[in-house]
Amino acid sequence: MFEPVRRRLYAWHMRNYTRRRLAMLDSRILADLGIERDQIDDVVARIDIEGDRK
């Protein structure tokens, strides 16, 4: 019964964790990943629960 809620909460937590970790990186490292600082939210939003890109 609570499995879908637990999965959604876990995905939300991992997106926030990933967003914080990417925000801490230097801009040069982000550029190596092909991400600009203002694109972090868009990149994180495209990651699904398993960590694969949509």
Protein backbone atom coordinates (compact mmCIF):
# COMPACT_ATOMS: atom_id res chain seq x y z
CA MET A 1 0.00 0.00 0.00
CA PHE A 2 2.75 2.47 0.88
CA GLU A 3 5.27 1.24 -1.71
CA PRO A 4 4.33 3.85 -4.39
CA VAL A 5 4.52 6.64 -1.82
CA ARG A 6 7.85 5.34 -0.54
CA ARG A 7 9.28 5.22 -4.09
CA ARG A 8 8.10 8.76 -4.84
CA LEU A 9 9.55 10.05 -1.56
CA TYR A 10 12.86 8.31 -2.29
CA ALA A 11 12.95 9.79 -5.82
CA TRP A 12 12.21 13.27 -4.42
CA HIS A 13 14.95 12.87 -1.82
CA MET A 14 17.50 11.71 -4.41
CA ARG A 15 16.65 14.59 -6.77
CA ASN A 16 17.19 17.11 -3.95
CA TYR A 17 20.43 15.40 -2.91
CA THR A 18 21.68 15.41 -6.52
CA ARG A 19 20.69 19.06 -6.97
CA ARG A 20 22.62 20.06 -3.83
CA ARG A 21 25.70 18.05 -4.83
CA LEU A 22 25.77 19.50 -8.35
CA ALA A 23 25.34 23.03 -6.98
CA MET A 24 28.46 22.53 -4.85
CA LEU A 25 30.62 21.70 -7.88
CA ASP A 26 32.90 24.21 -9.54
CA SER A 27 31.62 25.70 -12.82
CA ARG A 28 34.51 24.10 -14.73
CA ILE A 29 33.52 20.64 -13.53
CA LEU A 30 29.91 21.31 -14.49
CA ALA A 31 31.12 22.38 -17.93
CA ASP A 32 32.98 19.08 -18.26
CA LEU A 33 29.66 17.34 -17.56
CA GLY A 34 27.95 19.52 -20.18
CA ILE A 35 25.86 21.39 -17.62
CA GLU A 36 25.64 25.11 -16.94
CA ARG A 37 24.85 26.24 -13.42
CA ASP A 38 21.39 27.52 -14.40
CA GLN A 39 20.55 24.15 -16.02
CA ILE A 40 21.00 22.03 -12.88
CA ASP A 41 17.26 21.94 -12.08
CA ASP A 42 16.42 20.86 -15.65
CA VAL A 43 19.04 18.10 -15.64
CA VAL A 44 17.92 16.76 -12.27
CA ALA A 45 14.25 16.84 -13.32
CA ARG A 46 15.05 14.47 -16.22
CA ILE A 47 16.49 11.76 -13.96
CA ASP A 48 13.99 9.06 -13.00
CA ILE A 49 13.94 6.86 -9.88
CA GLU A 50 16.49 4.35 -11.15
CA GLY A 51 18.89 7.14 -12.09
CA ASP A 52 18.44 6.77 -15.86
CA ARG A 53 17.82 9.82 -17.97
CA LYS A 54 14.32 10.20 -19.41
